[in-house]
Structures are given as structure tokens and as C-alpha cells.
């Protein structure tokens, strides 16, 4: 039996690399894209030791012709769209880029699949940001969207485009509404990795103070390798559906800081400074998801919670310092 073929659009990030590794372990032929293959480092693929096993191509997701050529030439059975702007904060500075790379990019893929008229399955990366502030009630698949940033508006638009094409044209298209998920592959521009790297550097005498923003926000943090497994599981169902992927537990950023510093035997209050300029406009105070549908329908195991995430990220960072 021939191997399945997968196209990962946006393979350079944390999720793209872990997903590629997971698909390779399942026997897939994997093609991955970045905006410019010649200029990309593919550090995450190198870190996982899989770069040589992945065919790499250049794709500009908001260029219809580029997307069309990539899908036609790679001939995938499954397409995973992980591309587009990834920063909520950046989306306030570059809102047009957020809409174009996320919403228009998703529309381009859907249109190509429709026009080629082949039985391609499509996964699109949604976001918990679409729900806005969930308060103390974990969001599920029926929770109304209340986006608070250009990024979240774009992700919400993409999700409704998926629903529209699924219902109108019978496409196998689904959205994974993922809550925060972390790993050692996160760059330090993400606050979780910034915190852990800062604690490790302070312990090693390489840093005196760590500046952070609002520590009172609460999030539902999970382990990225488990979340990409959920993406794959969604694509194996007989009928496409949308799923919230989360742990069901939320903790404050202050908790994340305290536990990270505790791993390195440090008192965080001696080293952390609050920098008001890091506060986001219209910040979401609380965000937590309910993963019960995914656990039951996908057979997805109960995910690793924040304590396990911090422990594994700190252990990996400690090796590098």
C-alpha cells in the first residue's frame, strides 16, 4: 500500500516540526513549506533530526498561484495549515498582515482544494484567542467567539470559512481550536520560553534581572507534541469536525514564573521586574478550554498539564546553559 502524502504549510515553527516528526513516524511522505526555503534555517527540523526526511518547498500562503502550484505538485492526501502570523501582540502593529496571512491564506487553500476536486483532507490551525476571555468556564466547541485582537479576528474568520466550505462543497476540512501549548522548540519571543531561559541564565550568572509584563493573566498550557497528535487524529475521522484541544486547567503567568524559577532553586521575586510597556492592548485575563469532546471522540489521552510542561522545558533548557 502506497504511503500517504502530507503537506505541512508552515513547517518551520514548533507545531510544524513536531507534526512532521509524528507523520514520519506513521509512514507518511512529508512535504513542508516556508515562505522562502533558501532563507529559512529550519532549526526546529534540525533539532528533531528530521530535516533530511522532509521535502521542502517555498510557498507564500497569501499568493493564490503559489498555493495552487504547491498543492498540485505535492499531491497530498492531507494538508495541514500552520502558516500565517503567530503573534497576538504583533497583530496589533500589523493587522493587515494578520488578516491576509491567516484568513486570506486559509481561503486560498480551500479554493485550491475545491478547484482541484480531489479527495484531500484539510486541517486548519485555529486558536483559543477566538473565545476571548473565558473567565472560569472552560470553553468548548459551542462557546461563542469573542475575538479581542486582529489575530483572533483573523483566526475566527478562517474557522467560519472552513465551516462554510465544508457545508457548501462537502470538503473534508476541520479546525483544531488549540489553547496554549509549549515545548523546548518555542523561541524566546514567546513568554513561556523567555521565562524559562531567563531563570536558567540567572542561575548560570548570565543575567541579573528578567523583565515581564502582566503576571495576573491565566492560561491553559499544554504540551505541544501531544497537541500535534490531536491534529492528526482529527484527520482520521470518517466525517470532519472541529475540536477544542486543551488541558482543562488554567494557572496564572505568576504561577508559571514561580514554578520555573523554583526548578532552578531561585526565588523569582528577587529577579523579576514588571515592565508596563509589555502589557497588551485589550488583554485576555483568563483562558481555559474543555477537551472532553476530543478525549472521547478522538481517543486523545488526557494531556500533560502545566507542571509537566514546565518541568520538561526547564530540564531541556538546563542542558543548554
Protein backbone atom coordinates (compact mmCIF):
# COMPACT_ATOMS: atom_id res chain seq x y z
CA UNK A 1 0.00 0.00 0.00
CA UNK A 2 1.40 3.41 -1.02
CA UNK A 3 2.41 5.81 1.71
CA UNK A 4 0.12 8.69 2.50
CA UNK A 5 1.38 12.11 1.48
CA UNK A 6 1.10 15.16 3.74
CA UNK A 7 1.75 18.82 3.03
CA UNK A 8 2.53 20.96 6.08
CA UNK A 9 2.17 24.63 5.15
CA UNK A 10 4.27 26.47 7.71
CA UNK A 11 6.62 23.72 8.83
CA UNK A 12 9.30 25.91 10.41
CA UNK A 13 7.55 26.59 13.72
CA UNK A 14 7.20 24.46 16.82
CA UNK A 15 4.00 22.71 15.71
CA UNK A 16 5.17 22.14 12.15
CA UNK A 17 8.32 20.37 13.30
CA UNK A 18 6.58 18.14 15.84
CA UNK A 19 3.81 17.35 13.36
CA UNK A 20 6.36 16.40 10.71
CA UNK A 21 8.04 14.04 13.16
CA UNK A 22 4.70 12.49 14.10
CA UNK A 23 3.67 11.97 10.47
CA UNK A 24 7.02 10.46 9.56
CA UNK A 25 6.60 8.01 12.43
CA UNK A 26 3.29 7.00 10.82
CA UNK A 27 4.98 6.31 7.48
CA UNK A 28 3.91 9.45 5.64
CA UNK A 29 5.82 11.17 2.87
CA UNK A 30 6.07 14.71 4.20
CA UNK A 31 6.43 17.93 2.23
CA UNK A 32 6.84 21.12 4.23
CA UNK A 33 6.75 24.74 3.21
CA UNK A 34 8.13 28.05 4.36
CA UNK A 35 7.84 31.42 2.69
CA UNK A 36 11.40 31.16 1.37
CA UNK A 37 13.21 27.83 1.64
CA UNK A 38 16.56 29.38 0.72
CA UNK A 39 16.35 31.90 3.57
CA UNK A 40 14.90 29.61 6.26
CA UNK A 41 17.14 27.89 8.78
CA UNK A 42 14.79 25.02 9.67
CA UNK A 43 16.34 24.91 13.13
CA UNK A 44 13.40 23.01 14.60
CA UNK A 45 13.59 20.26 11.98
CA UNK A 46 17.33 20.03 12.63
CA UNK A 47 16.74 19.89 16.39
CA UNK A 48 14.43 16.90 15.91
CA UNK A 49 16.84 15.26 13.46
CA UNK A 50 14.32 15.02 10.63
CA UNK A 51 15.26 17.73 8.11
CA UNK A 52 16.69 15.26 5.61
CA UNK A 53 13.45 13.25 5.67
CA UNK A 54 11.23 16.17 4.63
CA UNK A 55 10.90 17.66 1.15
CA UNK A 56 10.99 21.45 1.49
CA UNK A 57 9.29 23.94 -0.83
CA UNK A 58 8.61 27.69 -0.86
CA UNK A 59 5.00 28.82 -0.52
CA UNK A 60 3.55 32.28 0.01
CA UNK A 61 0.19 31.50 1.55
CA UNK A 62 -1.50 34.76 0.54
CA UNK A 63 -0.46 34.22 -3.11
CA UNK A 64 -3.12 32.01 -4.72
CA UNK A 65 -0.88 30.83 -7.54
CA UNK A 66 1.86 29.85 -5.09
CA UNK A 67 -0.60 27.79 -3.04
CA UNK A 68 -2.12 26.22 -6.15
CA UNK A 69 1.26 25.13 -7.52
CA UNK A 70 2.38 23.69 -4.17
CA UNK A 71 -0.75 21.58 -3.71
CA UNK A 72 -0.88 20.45 -7.32
CA UNK A 73 2.78 19.43 -7.40
CA UNK A 74 2.96 17.75 -3.98
CA UNK A 75 -0.29 15.82 -4.49
CA UNK A 76 -1.08 15.47 -0.77
CA UNK A 77 -3.70 13.27 0.85
CA UNK A 78 -3.68 15.60 3.86
CA UNK A 79 -2.89 19.30 4.16
CA UNK A 80 -2.08 20.91 7.49
CA UNK A 81 -2.12 24.72 7.52
CA UNK A 82 0.05 26.06 10.33
CA UNK A 83 1.21 29.17 8.47
CA UNK A 84 0.44 32.83 8.98
CA UNK A 85 1.17 35.37 11.67
CA UNK A 86 1.64 33.69 15.06
CA UNK A 87 1.86 36.65 17.46
CA UNK A 88 -1.16 38.26 19.10
CA UNK A 89 0.94 41.26 20.11
CA UNK A 90 2.36 41.73 16.60
CA UNK A 91 -1.13 41.65 15.12
CA UNK A 92 -1.93 44.98 16.75
CA UNK A 93 1.06 46.52 14.92
CA UNK A 94 0.48 44.62 11.67
CA UNK A 95 -3.28 43.95 11.44
CA UNK A 96 -3.44 43.75 7.64
CA UNK A 97 -0.70 41.12 7.59
CA UNK A 98 -2.63 39.14 10.22
CA UNK A 99 -5.81 39.12 8.13
CA UNK A 100 -4.03 38.36 4.87
CA UNK A 101 -1.75 35.59 6.13
CA UNK A 102 -4.39 33.84 8.25
CA UNK A 103 -7.83 34.47 6.74
CA UNK A 104 -6.91 35.00 3.08
CA UNK A 105 -4.28 32.26 3.30
CA UNK A 106 -6.89 29.78 4.55
CA UNK A 107 -9.32 30.86 1.82
CA UNK A 108 -6.64 30.27 -0.83
CA UNK A 109 -6.11 26.69 0.35
CA UNK A 110 -9.85 25.99 0.44
CA UNK A 111 -10.31 27.36 -3.07
CA UNK A 112 -7.43 25.29 -4.45
CA UNK A 113 -8.84 22.11 -2.89
CA UNK A 114 -12.26 22.93 -4.33
CA UNK A 115 -10.93 23.65 -7.81
CA UNK A 116 -8.67 20.60 -8.00
CA UNK A 117 -11.63 18.46 -6.90
CA UNK A 118 -9.52 15.74 -5.30
CA UNK A 119 -10.23 13.91 -2.02
CA UNK A 120 -7.81 15.98 0.04
CA UNK A 121 -8.29 16.33 3.80
CA UNK A 122 -7.55 19.73 5.29
CA UNK A 123 -6.64 20.68 8.85
CA UNK A 124 -6.53 24.35 9.80
CA UNK A 125 -4.94 25.71 12.95
CA UNK A 126 -7.49 27.63 15.00
CA UNK A 127 -6.82 29.40 18.26
CA UNK A 128 -8.22 29.77 21.76
CA UNK A 129 -7.83 33.52 21.22
CA UNK A 130 -11.09 33.35 19.25
CA UNK A 131 -13.02 32.84 22.50
CA UNK A 132 -11.66 35.98 24.11
CA UNK A 133 -11.87 35.91 27.90
CA UNK A 134 -13.42 32.62 29.09
CA UNK A 135 -13.46 33.53 32.78
CA UNK A 136 -13.74 30.45 34.97
CA UNK A 137 -15.88 28.48 32.50
CA UNK A 138 -13.82 26.26 30.17
CA UNK A 139 -14.67 26.93 26.53
CA UNK A 140 -15.97 24.08 24.39
CA UNK A 141 -16.92 23.73 20.74
CA UNK A 142 -20.26 25.52 21.31
CA UNK A 143 -18.80 28.54 23.12
CA UNK A 144 -19.39 31.73 21.07
CA UNK A 145 -16.35 33.52 19.68
CA UNK A 146 -15.47 36.94 21.09
CA UNK A 147 -12.11 37.86 19.49
CA UNK A 148 -10.16 40.74 21.02
CA UNK A 149 -7.21 41.15 18.64
CA UNK A 150 -6.64 41.31 14.87
CA UNK A 151 -5.01 37.88 15.20
CA UNK A 152 -8.12 36.43 16.86
CA UNK A 153 -10.42 38.09 14.32
CA UNK A 154 -8.39 36.50 11.51
CA UNK A 155 -8.47 33.07 13.16
CA UNK A 156 -12.22 33.38 13.71
CA UNK A 157 -12.72 34.30 10.05
CA UNK A 158 -10.67 31.29 8.96
CA UNK A 159 -12.73 28.99 11.16
CA UNK A 160 -16.01 30.17 9.64
CA UNK A 161 -14.56 29.83 6.14
CA UNK A 162 -13.74 26.20 6.97
CA UNK A 163 -17.34 25.63 8.10
CA UNK A 164 -18.73 27.33 5.01
CA UNK A 165 -16.68 25.26 2.55
CA UNK A 166 -17.36 22.07 4.45
CA UNK A 167 -21.11 22.63 4.31
CA UNK A 168 -21.26 24.14 0.81
CA UNK A 169 -18.88 21.88 -1.10
CA UNK A 170 -18.55 18.78 1.06
CA UNK A 171 -14.84 19.28 1.68
CA UNK A 172 -13.10 17.34 4.43
CA UNK A 173 -11.97 20.41 6.35
CA UNK A 174 -11.62 20.80 10.10
CA UNK A 175 -10.34 23.26 12.68
CA UNK A 176 -8.36 22.47 15.80
CA UNK A 177 -9.06 25.21 18.34
CA UNK A 178 -5.84 24.87 20.30
CA UNK A 179 -5.19 26.51 23.63
CA UNK A 180 -1.63 27.48 24.61
CA UNK A 181 0.86 24.68 24.06
CA UNK A 182 4.58 24.84 24.67
CA UNK A 183 7.84 22.93 24.20
CA UNK A 184 11.61 23.47 24.10
CA UNK A 185 11.21 24.46 20.43
CA UNK A 186 9.48 27.70 21.40
CA UNK A 187 11.63 30.76 20.57
CA UNK A 188 12.32 33.22 23.39
CA UNK A 189 9.91 35.79 21.92
CA UNK A 190 7.19 33.60 23.46
CA UNK A 191 6.81 34.48 27.12
CA UNK A 192 6.99 30.89 28.41
CA UNK A 193 10.38 30.27 26.85
CA UNK A 194 11.52 33.76 27.83
CA UNK A 195 10.72 32.96 31.46
CA UNK A 196 12.48 29.59 31.47
CA UNK A 197 15.51 30.85 29.57
CA UNK A 198 15.70 33.85 31.91
CA UNK A 199 15.63 31.68 35.01
CA UNK A 200 18.31 29.39 33.58
CA UNK A 201 20.55 32.35 32.66
CA UNK A 202 20.13 33.93 36.10
CA UNK A 203 21.08 30.60 37.70
CA UNK A 204 24.18 30.46 35.49
CA UNK A 205 25.15 34.05 36.29
CA UNK A 206 24.49 35.23 32.74
CA UNK A 207 21.57 37.54 33.59
CA UNK A 208 20.72 39.80 36.53
CA UNK A 209 17.03 40.63 36.03
CA UNK A 210 14.12 39.44 33.91
CA UNK A 211 11.54 41.95 32.68
CA UNK A 212 7.98 40.70 32.16
CA UNK A 213 4.51 42.15 31.61
CA UNK A 214 1.21 41.28 33.27
CA UNK A 215 1.66 38.28 35.56
CA UNK A 216 -2.01 38.13 36.59
CA UNK A 217 -3.27 36.66 33.31
CA UNK A 218 -4.25 32.97 33.42
CA UNK A 219 -3.87 30.43 30.64
CA UNK A 220 -4.42 26.76 29.87
CA UNK A 221 -0.94 25.46 28.99
CA UNK A 222 -0.31 22.07 27.35
CA UNK A 223 2.50 20.06 25.76
CA UNK A 224 2.96 20.69 22.02
CA UNK A 225 3.89 17.12 20.90
CA UNK A 226 0.59 15.89 22.30
CA UNK A 227 -1.34 18.66 20.55
CA UNK A 228 0.02 17.78 17.10
CA UNK A 229 -1.09 14.19 17.70
CA UNK A 230 -4.61 15.58 18.17
CA UNK A 231 -4.30 17.36 14.80
CA UNK A 232 -3.53 14.05 13.11
CA UNK A 233 -6.33 12.24 14.92
CA UNK A 234 -8.86 14.81 13.65
CA UNK A 235 -7.87 13.94 10.09
CA UNK A 236 -8.55 10.22 10.59
CA UNK A 237 -12.27 10.52 11.36
CA UNK A 238 -14.90 9.40 8.86
CA UNK A 239 -16.51 12.84 8.98
CA UNK A 240 -14.70 16.17 9.54
CA UNK A 241 -15.37 18.03 12.77
CA UNK A 242 -13.89 20.80 14.91
CA UNK A 243 -12.29 20.21 18.31
CA UNK A 244 -11.06 22.20 21.29
CA UNK A 245 -7.62 20.97 22.32
CA UNK A 246 -6.70 21.92 25.88
CA UNK A 247 -5.86 20.51 29.32
CA UNK A 248 -8.86 21.91 31.20
CA UNK A 249 -6.59 23.50 33.81
CA UNK A 250 -5.62 27.15 33.99
CA UNK A 251 -2.95 28.85 36.06
CA UNK A 252 -1.63 32.39 36.20
CA UNK A 253 1.53 33.55 34.50
CA UNK A 254 2.79 34.26 38.02
CA UNK A 255 2.41 30.53 38.75
CA UNK A 256 4.39 29.72 35.60
CA UNK A 257 7.14 32.11 36.69
CA UNK A 258 7.26 30.80 40.26
CA UNK A 259 7.44 27.14 39.21
CA UNK A 260 10.07 27.83 36.55
CA UNK A 261 12.33 29.68 38.98
CA UNK A 262 11.68 27.04 41.63
CA UNK A 263 13.10 24.41 39.25
CA UNK A 264 16.39 26.31 39.32
CA UNK A 265 16.22 26.87 43.11
CA UNK A 266 15.58 30.58 42.72
CA UNK A 267 13.11 33.00 44.35
CA UNK A 268 11.50 34.68 41.36
CA UNK A 269 10.54 37.79 43.32
CA UNK A 270 14.22 38.72 43.67
CA UNK A 271 14.82 38.74 39.93
CA UNK A 272 11.62 39.64 38.06
CA UNK A 273 10.74 43.22 37.18
CA UNK A 274 7.37 44.29 35.78
CA UNK A 275 7.63 46.35 32.58
CA UNK A 276 4.33 48.18 31.80
CA UNK A 277 5.25 48.57 28.11
CA UNK A 278 4.92 44.78 27.73
CA UNK A 279 1.19 44.90 28.58
CA UNK A 280 -1.01 44.21 25.53
CA UNK A 281 -3.99 46.33 24.47
CA UNK A 282 -7.26 44.61 25.41
CA UNK A 283 -5.51 41.72 27.16
CA UNK A 284 -7.37 38.47 27.81
CA UNK A 285 -7.29 37.90 31.56
CA UNK A 286 -8.42 34.27 31.68
CA UNK A 287 -8.44 31.50 29.09
CA UNK A 288 -9.23 27.81 29.69
CA UNK A 289 -10.61 25.05 27.48
CA UNK A 290 -12.69 21.89 27.85
CA UNK A 291 -11.08 18.97 25.92
CA UNK A 292 -13.72 16.35 26.72
CA UNK A 293 -15.03 16.06 23.15
CA UNK A 294 -11.51 15.42 21.81
CA UNK A 295 -10.76 12.91 24.54
CA UNK A 296 -13.94 10.95 23.82
CA UNK A 297 -14.26 11.26 20.03
CA UNK A 298 -10.58 11.10 19.08
CA UNK A 299 -9.33 8.77 21.78
CA UNK A 300 -6.87 11.52 22.66
CA UNK A 301 -5.22 10.80 26.01
CA UNK A 302 -5.63 13.22 28.90
CA UNK A 303 -2.90 15.76 28.18
CA UNK A 304 0.12 16.78 30.21
CA UNK A 305 -0.71 19.83 32.36
CA UNK A 306 1.30 22.91 33.23
CA UNK A 307 3.51 21.28 35.87
CA UNK A 308 4.75 18.65 33.43
CA UNK A 309 5.23 21.26 30.70
CA UNK A 310 7.37 23.46 32.96
CA UNK A 311 9.42 20.52 34.21
CA UNK A 312 10.23 19.24 30.71
CA UNK A 313 11.02 22.69 29.29
CA UNK A 314 13.25 23.57 32.23
CA UNK A 315 15.10 20.25 32.03
CA UNK A 316 15.86 20.84 28.35
CA UNK A 317 16.96 24.44 28.91
CA UNK A 318 19.21 23.41 31.79
CA UNK A 319 21.20 21.21 29.38
CA UNK A 320 21.88 24.17 27.10
CA UNK A 321 23.12 26.65 29.74
